C-alpha atoms as a PDB file:
ATOM      1  CA  MET A   1      -0.083  -0.007  -0.125  1.00  0.00           C
ATOM      2  CA  PRO A   2       2.882   2.437   0.961  1.00  0.00           C
ATOM      3  CA  GLN A   3       4.328   1.916  -2.303  1.00  0.00           C
ATOM      4  CA  ASP A   4       0.815   2.955  -3.959  1.00  0.00           C
ATOM      5  CA  SER A   5       0.656   5.920  -2.014  1.00  0.00           C
ATOM      6  CA  ASP A   6       4.269   7.037  -3.202  1.00  0.00           C
ATOM      7  CA  ALA A   7       3.686   5.973  -6.940  1.00  0.00           C
ATOM      8  CA  ARG A   8       0.375   8.119  -6.785  1.00  0.00           C
ATOM      9  CA  ILE A   9       2.322  11.492  -4.901  1.00  0.00           C
ATOM     10  CA  ASN A  10       5.419  10.844  -7.451  1.00  0.00           C
ATOM     11  CA  HIS A  11       2.611  11.090 -10.258  1.00  0.00           C
ATOM     12  CA  PHE A  12       0.989  13.725  -8.874  1.00  0.00           C
ATOM     13  CA  LEU A  13       3.548  16.290  -8.632  1.00  0.00           C
ATOM     14  CA  LYS A  14       5.189  15.703 -12.371  1.00  0.00           C
ATOM     15  CA  GLU A  15       2.021  16.661 -13.382  1.00  0.00           C
ATOM     16  CA  VAL A  16       2.164  19.922 -10.922  1.00  0.00           C
ATOM     17  CA  GLU A  17       5.698  20.573 -12.606  1.00  0.00           C
ATOM     18  CA  GLN A  18       5.081  20.286 -15.791  1.00  0.00           C
ATOM     19  CA  ALA A  19       1.569  22.571 -15.243  1.00  0.00           C
ATOM     20  CA  ILE A  20       3.878  24.974 -13.754  1.00  0.00           C
ATOM     21  CA  GLN A  21       6.431  24.614 -16.682  1.00  0.00           C
ATOM     22  CA  VAL A  22       3.837  25.358 -19.571  1.00  0.00           C
ATOM     23  CA  ALA A  23       2.600  28.165 -17.496  1.00  0.00           C
ATOM     24  CA  ASN A  24       6.190  29.723 -17.155  1.00  0.00           C
ATOM     25  CA  ARG A  25       6.917  29.070 -20.505  1.00  0.00           C
ATOM     26  CA  GLU A  26       3.977  30.685 -21.810  1.00  0.00           C
ATOM     27  CA  ILE A  27       4.080  34.099 -19.377  1.00  0.00           C
ATOM     28  CA  LEU A  28       7.653  34.433 -19.857  1.00  0.00           C
ATOM     29  CA  SER A  29       7.501  34.033 -24.002  1.00  0.00           C
ATOM     30  CA  GLN A  30       5.379  36.889 -23.723  1.00  0.00           C
ATOM     31  CA  ARG A  31       7.454  39.173 -21.908  1.00  0.00           C
ATOM     32  CA  LEU A  32      11.313  38.118 -22.674  1.00  0.00           C
ATOM     33  CA  PRO A  33      13.138  37.480 -26.346  1.00  0.00           C
ATOM     34  CA  ALA A  34      14.747  34.137 -26.655  1.00  0.00           C
ATOM     35  CA  ILE A  35      17.869  33.921 -24.402  1.00  0.00           C
ATOM     36  CA  THR A  36      20.986  34.316 -26.012  1.00  0.00           C
ATOM     37  CA  LYS A  37      24.443  34.842 -25.114  1.00  0.00           C
ATOM     38  CA  GLU A  38      24.544  38.166 -26.887  1.00  0.00           C
ATOM     39  CA  ASN A  39      21.521  39.341 -24.680  1.00  0.00           C
ATOM     40  CA  ILE A  40      22.405  37.906 -21.253  1.00  0.00           C
ATOM     41  CA  LEU A  41      25.938  39.401 -21.067  1.00  0.00           C
ATOM     42  CA  PRO A  42      25.090  42.896 -20.280  1.00  0.00           C
ATOM     43  CA  LEU A  43      22.664  41.759 -17.939  1.00  0.00           C
ATOM     44  CA  ALA A  44      25.934  40.193 -16.560  1.00  0.00           C
ATOM     45  CA  ILE A  45      28.043  43.086 -16.932  1.00  0.00           C
ATOM     46  CA  SER A  46      25.202  45.338 -15.277  1.00  0.00           C
ATOM     47  CA  VAL A  47      25.363  43.380 -11.980  1.00  0.00           C
ATOM     48  CA  ALA A  48      29.482  43.536 -12.396  1.00  0.00           C
ATOM     49  CA  ARG A  49      29.484  47.339 -12.509  1.00  0.00           C
ATOM     50  CA  LEU A  50      27.064  47.491  -9.765  1.00  0.00           C
ATOM     51  CA  ARG A  51      29.194  45.055  -7.388  1.00  0.00           C
ATOM     52  CA  ALA A  52      32.271  47.175  -8.281  1.00  0.00           C
ATOM     53  CA  GLN A  53      30.632  50.026  -6.949  1.00  0.00           C
ATOM     54  CA  TYR A  54      29.203  49.022  -3.986  1.00  0.00           C
ATOM     55  CA  LEU A  55      32.981  47.048  -2.991  1.00  0.00           C
ATOM     56  CA  ALA A  56      34.825  50.540  -4.467  1.00  0.00           C
ATOM     57  CA  GLU A  57      32.707  52.419  -2.228  1.00  0.00           C
ATOM     58  CA  ALA A  58      33.477  50.283   0.797  1.00  0.00           C
ATOM     59  CA  PHE A  59      37.095  50.605   0.565  1.00  0.00           C
ATOM     60  CA  ARG A  60      36.818  54.321  -0.422  1.00  0.00           C
ATOM     61  CA  MET A  61      34.990  55.193   2.541  1.00  0.00           C
ATOM     62  CA  ALA A  62      37.203  52.512   4.413  1.00  0.00           C
ATOM     63  CA  LYS A  63      39.917  54.042   3.360  1.00  0.00           C
ATOM     64  CA  ASP A  64      39.346  58.470   3.673  1.00  0.00           C
ATOM     65  CA  GLY A  65      38.055  57.522   7.199  1.00  0.00           C
ATOM     66  CA  ALA A  66      41.155  55.655   8.076  1.00  0.00           C
ATOM     67  CA  GLY A  67      39.258  52.920   9.624  1.00  0.00           C
ATOM     68  CA  GLU A  68      36.650  55.459  11.567  1.00  0.00           C
ATOM     69  CA  ALA A  69      33.313  54.454  11.554  1.00  0.00           C
ATOM     70  CA  PRO A  70      31.589  55.942   8.357  1.00  0.00           C
ATOM     71  CA  GLY A  71      29.217  58.952   8.930  1.00  0.00           C
ATOM     72  CA  GLU A  72      25.384  58.346   8.533  1.00  0.00           C
ATOM     73  CA  ALA A  73      24.904  60.239   4.731  1.00  0.00           C
ATOM     74  CA  GLU A  74      27.763  57.588   3.660  1.00  0.00           C
ATOM     75  CA  LEU A  75      25.811  54.713   5.158  1.00  0.00           C
ATOM     76  CA  ASN A  76      23.030  55.523   3.751  1.00  0.00           C
ATOM     77  CA  SER A  77      25.249  56.026   0.190  1.00  0.00           C
ATOM     78  CA  LEU A  78      26.829  52.462   0.810  1.00  0.00           C
ATOM     79  CA  LYS A  79      23.531  51.247   1.778  1.00  0.00           C
ATOM     80  CA  ARG A  80      21.904  52.257  -1.678  1.00  0.00           C
ATOM     81  CA  LEU A  81      24.395  50.324  -3.561  1.00  0.00           C
ATOM     82  CA  ARG A  82      24.627  47.674  -1.879  1.00  0.00           C
ATOM     83  CA  GLU A  83      20.449  47.715  -2.787  1.00  0.00           C
ATOM     84  CA  MET A  84      20.770  48.297  -6.208  1.00  0.00           C
ATOM     85  CA  TYR A  85      23.487  45.720  -6.616  1.00  0.00           C
ATOM     86  CA  GLY A  86      21.590  43.378  -4.866  1.00  0.00           C
ATOM     87  CA  GLU A  87      17.981  43.413  -6.513  1.00  0.00           C
ATOM     88  CA  ALA A  88      20.246  43.190 -10.108  1.00  0.00           C
ATOM     89  CA  ARG A  89      21.810  40.251  -8.743  1.00  0.00           C
ATOM     90  CA  GLU A  90      18.264  38.775  -7.817  1.00  0.00           C
ATOM     91  CA  ALA A  91      17.163  39.191 -11.250  1.00  0.00           C
ATOM     92  CA  PHE A  92      20.262  37.720 -12.615  1.00  0.00           C
ATOM     93  CA  ASP A  93      19.863  34.745 -10.386  1.00  0.00           C
ATOM     94  CA  ALA A  94      16.098  34.779 -11.466  1.00  0.00           C
ATOM     95  CA  LEU A  95      17.041  34.451 -15.125  1.00  0.00           C
ATOM     96  CA  ILE A  96      19.523  31.671 -14.274  1.00  0.00           C
ATOM     97  CA  HIS A  97      17.180  30.091 -12.692  1.00  0.00           C
ATOM     98  CA  VAL A  98      13.940  30.449 -15.589  1.00  0.00           C
ATOM     99  CA  ILE A  99      17.131  28.826 -17.790  1.00  0.00           C
ATOM    100  CA  ASP A 100      17.800  26.013 -15.570  1.00  0.00           C
ATOM    101  CA  ARG A 101      14.462  25.222 -15.410  1.00  0.00           C
ATOM    102  CA  GLY A 102      13.492  25.005 -19.231  1.00  0.00           C
ATOM    103  CA  TYR A 103      11.232  28.132 -19.149  1.00  0.00           C
ATOM    104  CA  VAL A 104      12.149  29.963 -21.590  1.00  0.00           C
ATOM    105  CA  GLU A 105      13.318  29.867 -24.972  1.00  0.00           C
ATOM    106  CA  LEU A 106      17.175  29.694 -25.997  1.00  0.00           C
ATOM    107  CA  GLY A 107      18.559  31.348 -29.037  1.00  0.00           C
ATOM    108  CA  GLU A 108      21.146  30.537 -31.068  1.00  0.00           C
END
């Protein structure tokens, strides 16, 4: 009996997974072009630039402050750069996820 239950659960989960894949492919294909190296690279470069800005600002603050704690304005500036980098990184991670799951069409 437990094997029958396991098979039923596995079958159900497979059907749900297939339905989710169909829904994602349909919805994402309406909003995204086919994914190619040429159109994914600008996003990756943007994430790298934002990461560099964030880290460079942290190093600048540490150097200019000679190791002292930065002021509130400087911390707000650093926080803003971190948030920008984080949002871009999460968008890129989301793109990699949909590629990995087969939710988007891959171009040449």
